[in-house]
Every structure is written in structure tokens, then in C-alpha cells.
């Protein structure tokens, strides 16, 4: 028998949606619905989250950081660790700043789906 468990939205929206996530009999994620306990969202979730299980279980979903090993478009990648991936991103941002100035890596802040995690993530 499946069960619903309390969770929170993995997106970094200002709404901070609370969720009810189904765990199916075989232990997989099933339906995702909004929690009616959250007075701000009143049990409503956006379309991104309502179909989250479909995206999560998709065969082509990336589950680990990857580094390109072949030419762009060749589809050749190798799995790398998270620390290496974050270091590569930080190095790329630093090189862009050196070459083109700080405006080249200016943090992109807006009122859409960005909360504290995404907004302040550039400070790594």
C-alpha cells in the first residue's frame, strides 16, 4: 500500500511550498501534491512540481555531475565528483571575470523561482 509523506519543494521559490509525496509499494516516488497545512499555498502546487515524479524517474535524467570528454555535441562525458564539478564552475566564473570584468558573472536575481539558495549560491 502506498503512503504519503511530508516534504518540501526542491525548487527555491519564495513560496516555500510544503508537499505530500507518495511512496509507492515498491519504494518509488509516486504522486506529488501540495500540503493543505501550508496556509500560503493551501494545497496548491505548480505544474513543475505536480509532475516531479515523472521527471525524477526519467531514463535520461542526470543523477551525477558529468564532464565533457569529447567534442561539443559528441555526447561523450565522464562522471566526476561534486567537489570537482563545483570547482570547475568556480574556475570558469573566475576566468570569465578576469577576461571580461565582474559584469560577466553578475548574479542573476529576479522574483521568479529564486530564493536564498540560488540567490546566494554564487558566494561559494
C-alpha atoms as a PDB file:
ATOM      1  CA  UNK A   1       0.000   0.000   0.000  1.00  0.00           C
ATOM      2  CA  UNK A   2       1.341   3.426  -0.873  1.00  0.00           C
ATOM      3  CA  UNK A   3       1.813   6.134   1.756  1.00  0.00           C
ATOM      4  CA  UNK A   4       2.099   9.913   1.613  1.00  0.00           C
ATOM      5  CA  UNK A   5       4.958  11.614   3.454  1.00  0.00           C
ATOM      6  CA  UNK A   6       5.503  15.272   4.335  1.00  0.00           C
ATOM      7  CA  UNK A   7       8.196  17.009   2.307  1.00  0.00           C
ATOM      8  CA  UNK A   8       9.158  20.403   0.923  1.00  0.00           C
ATOM      9  CA  UNK A   9       9.571  21.590  -2.625  1.00  0.00           C
ATOM     10  CA  UNK A  10      13.112  21.142  -4.013  1.00  0.00           C
ATOM     11  CA  UNK A  11      12.778  24.332  -6.061  1.00  0.00           C
ATOM     12  CA  UNK A  12      13.988  27.504  -4.420  1.00  0.00           C
ATOM     13  CA  UNK A  13      10.851  29.596  -4.885  1.00  0.00           C
ATOM     14  CA  UNK A  14       9.836  32.275  -2.419  1.00  0.00           C
ATOM     15  CA  UNK A  15       6.563  30.346  -1.833  1.00  0.00           C
ATOM     16  CA  UNK A  16       8.407  27.600   0.084  1.00  0.00           C
ATOM     17  CA  UNK A  17       5.746  25.006  -0.740  1.00  0.00           C
ATOM     18  CA  UNK A  18       5.148  22.095   1.578  1.00  0.00           C
ATOM     19  CA  UNK A  19       4.265  18.847  -0.121  1.00  0.00           C
ATOM     20  CA  UNK A  20       2.757  15.432   0.333  1.00  0.00           C
ATOM     21  CA  UNK A  21       4.839  12.901  -1.627  1.00  0.00           C
ATOM     22  CA  UNK A  22       3.598   9.404  -2.287  1.00  0.00           C
ATOM     23  CA  UNK A  23       5.908   6.467  -1.685  1.00  0.00           C
ATOM     24  CA  UNK A  24       4.606   3.537  -3.707  1.00  0.00           C
ATOM     25  CA  UNK A  25       4.646  -0.087  -2.594  1.00  0.00           C
ATOM     26  CA  UNK A  26       7.908  -0.683  -4.465  1.00  0.00           C
ATOM     27  CA  UNK A  27       9.551   2.306  -2.719  1.00  0.00           C
ATOM     28  CA  UNK A  28       9.429   4.711  -5.659  1.00  0.00           C
ATOM     29  CA  UNK A  29       8.156   8.276  -5.690  1.00  0.00           C
ATOM     30  CA  UNK A  30       4.573   8.458  -6.861  1.00  0.00           C
ATOM     31  CA  UNK A  31       2.177  11.398  -6.878  1.00  0.00           C
ATOM     32  CA  UNK A  32       3.213  14.782  -5.532  1.00  0.00           C
ATOM     33  CA  UNK A  33       0.578  17.135  -4.182  1.00  0.00           C
ATOM     34  CA  UNK A  34       0.518  20.293  -2.150  1.00  0.00           C
ATOM     35  CA  UNK A  35       0.050  20.154   1.598  1.00  0.00           C
ATOM     36  CA  UNK A  36      -3.134  21.768   2.830  1.00  0.00           C
ATOM     37  CA  UNK A  37      -1.306  22.522   6.100  1.00  0.00           C
ATOM     38  CA  UNK A  38       0.533  25.410   4.406  1.00  0.00           C
ATOM     39  CA  UNK A  39      -1.806  28.425   4.664  1.00  0.00           C
ATOM     40  CA  UNK A  40       0.086  30.347   1.972  1.00  0.00           C
ATOM     41  CA  UNK A  41      -0.259  27.749  -0.795  1.00  0.00           C
ATOM     42  CA  UNK A  42      -3.375  25.980   0.579  1.00  0.00           C
ATOM     43  CA  UNK A  43      -2.525  22.649  -1.040  1.00  0.00           C
ATOM     44  CA  UNK A  44      -1.769  24.039  -4.483  1.00  0.00           C
ATOM     45  CA  UNK A  45       1.475  23.246  -6.323  1.00  0.00           C
ATOM     46  CA  UNK A  46       2.803  24.477  -9.638  1.00  0.00           C
ATOM     47  CA  UNK A  47       2.946  22.309 -12.762  1.00  0.00           C
ATOM     48  CA  UNK A  48       6.700  21.823 -12.342  1.00  0.00           C
ATOM     49  CA  UNK A  49       6.194  20.071  -9.029  1.00  0.00           C
ATOM     50  CA  UNK A  50       2.971  18.232  -9.837  1.00  0.00           C
ATOM     51  CA  UNK A  51       4.903  16.199 -12.457  1.00  0.00           C
ATOM     52  CA  UNK A  52       8.101  15.896 -10.427  1.00  0.00           C
ATOM     53  CA  UNK A  53       8.000  12.082 -10.157  1.00  0.00           C
ATOM     54  CA  UNK A  54       7.847  11.817 -13.947  1.00  0.00           C
ATOM     55  CA  UNK A  55      10.996  13.920 -14.294  1.00  0.00           C
ATOM     56  CA  UNK A  56      12.739  12.219 -11.358  1.00  0.00           C
ATOM     57  CA  UNK A  57      12.264   8.736 -12.813  1.00  0.00           C
ATOM     58  CA  UNK A  58      13.017   9.723 -16.440  1.00  0.00           C
ATOM     59  CA  UNK A  59      15.626   7.469 -18.059  1.00  0.00           C
ATOM     60  CA  UNK A  60      17.656  10.448 -19.338  1.00  0.00           C
ATOM     61  CA  UNK A  61      17.748  12.364 -16.034  1.00  0.00           C
ATOM     62  CA  UNK A  62      21.257  13.340 -14.965  1.00  0.00           C
ATOM     63  CA  UNK A  63      21.940  11.992 -11.489  1.00  0.00           C
ATOM     64  CA  UNK A  64      25.644  12.831 -11.212  1.00  0.00           C
ATOM     65  CA  UNK A  65      27.935  15.642 -12.375  1.00  0.00           C
ATOM     66  CA  UNK A  66      29.493  14.965 -15.761  1.00  0.00           C
ATOM     67  CA  UNK A  67      32.484  16.460 -17.611  1.00  0.00           C
ATOM     68  CA  UNK A  68      32.605  16.552 -21.404  1.00  0.00           C
ATOM     69  CA  UNK A  69      35.442  14.391 -22.757  1.00  0.00           C
ATOM     70  CA  UNK A  70      34.754  14.659 -26.493  1.00  0.00           C
ATOM     71  CA  UNK A  71      33.902  17.417 -28.904  1.00  0.00           C
ATOM     72  CA  UNK A  72      30.818  19.514 -28.181  1.00  0.00           C
ATOM     73  CA  UNK A  73      27.784  17.629 -29.431  1.00  0.00           C
ATOM     74  CA  UNK A  74      29.535  14.244 -29.424  1.00  0.00           C
ATOM     75  CA  UNK A  75      27.722  13.085 -26.293  1.00  0.00           C
ATOM     76  CA  UNK A  76      30.977  11.938 -24.694  1.00  0.00           C
ATOM     77  CA  UNK A  77      31.103  12.563 -20.943  1.00  0.00           C
ATOM     78  CA  UNK A  78      32.685  11.104 -17.831  1.00  0.00           C
ATOM     79  CA  UNK A  79      31.270  11.070 -14.328  1.00  0.00           C
ATOM     80  CA  UNK A  80      33.035  13.347 -11.826  1.00  0.00           C
ATOM     81  CA  UNK A  81      32.527  14.144  -8.149  1.00  0.00           C
ATOM     82  CA  UNK A  82      30.546  17.097  -6.849  1.00  0.00           C
ATOM     83  CA  UNK A  83      33.613  18.888  -5.466  1.00  0.00           C
ATOM     84  CA  UNK A  84      35.344  18.659  -8.858  1.00  0.00           C
ATOM     85  CA  UNK A  85      32.205  19.889 -10.618  1.00  0.00           C
ATOM     86  CA  UNK A  86      31.793  22.877  -8.302  1.00  0.00           C
ATOM     87  CA  UNK A  87      35.496  23.694  -8.613  1.00  0.00           C
ATOM     88  CA  UNK A  88      35.187  23.677 -12.429  1.00  0.00           C
ATOM     89  CA  UNK A  89      32.225  26.046 -12.271  1.00  0.00           C
ATOM     90  CA  UNK A  90      34.029  28.364  -9.833  1.00  0.00           C
ATOM     91  CA  UNK A  91      37.129  28.323 -12.054  1.00  0.00           C
ATOM     92  CA  UNK A  92      35.046  29.163 -15.125  1.00  0.00           C
ATOM     93  CA  UNK A  93      33.390  32.072 -13.335  1.00  0.00           C
ATOM     94  CA  UNK A  94      36.779  33.387 -12.169  1.00  0.00           C
ATOM     95  CA  UNK A  95      38.224  33.159 -15.703  1.00  0.00           C
ATOM     96  CA  UNK A  96      35.210  34.959 -17.179  1.00  0.00           C
ATOM     97  CA  UNK A  97      35.553  37.707 -14.585  1.00  0.00           C
ATOM     98  CA  UNK A  98      39.273  38.109 -15.309  1.00  0.00           C
ATOM     99  CA  UNK A  99      38.706  38.252 -19.064  1.00  0.00           C
ATOM    100  CA  UNK A 100      35.551  40.371 -19.194  1.00  0.00           C
ATOM    101  CA  UNK A 101      35.085  42.048 -15.808  1.00  0.00           C
ATOM    102  CA  UNK A 102      32.747  41.381 -12.913  1.00  0.00           C
ATOM    103  CA  UNK A 103      29.672  42.202 -15.005  1.00  0.00           C
ATOM    104  CA  UNK A 104      30.252  38.980 -16.982  1.00  0.00           C
ATOM    105  CA  UNK A 105      29.323  36.896 -13.941  1.00  0.00           C
ATOM    106  CA  UNK A 106      26.898  39.232 -12.254  1.00  0.00           C
ATOM    107  CA  UNK A 107      24.405  37.160 -10.239  1.00  0.00           C
ATOM    108  CA  UNK A 108      21.053  36.862 -11.962  1.00  0.00           C
ATOM    109  CA  UNK A 109      18.442  37.743  -9.345  1.00  0.00           C
ATOM    110  CA  UNK A 110      14.777  38.029 -10.050  1.00  0.00           C
ATOM    111  CA  UNK A 111      11.463  37.458  -8.316  1.00  0.00           C
ATOM    112  CA  UNK A 112      10.586  34.199 -10.097  1.00  0.00           C
ATOM    113  CA  UNK A 113      11.776  30.895  -8.708  1.00  0.00           C
ATOM    114  CA  UNK A 114      14.841  32.099  -6.860  1.00  0.00           C
ATOM    115  CA  UNK A 115      15.066  32.051  -3.098  1.00  0.00           C
ATOM    116  CA  UNK A 116      18.039  32.171  -0.726  1.00  0.00           C
ATOM    117  CA  UNK A 117      19.803  29.057  -2.047  1.00  0.00           C
ATOM    118  CA  UNK A 118      20.042  30.156  -5.673  1.00  0.00           C
ATOM    119  CA  UNK A 119      20.404  33.835  -4.931  1.00  0.00           C
ATOM    120  CA  UNK A 120      23.312  33.380  -2.541  1.00  0.00           C
ATOM    121  CA  UNK A 121      24.834  30.293  -4.179  1.00  0.00           C
ATOM    122  CA  UNK A 122      27.270  32.477  -6.132  1.00  0.00           C
ATOM    123  CA  UNK A 123      29.062  33.186  -2.833  1.00  0.00           C
ATOM    124  CA  UNK A 124      30.611  29.681  -2.702  1.00  0.00           C
END
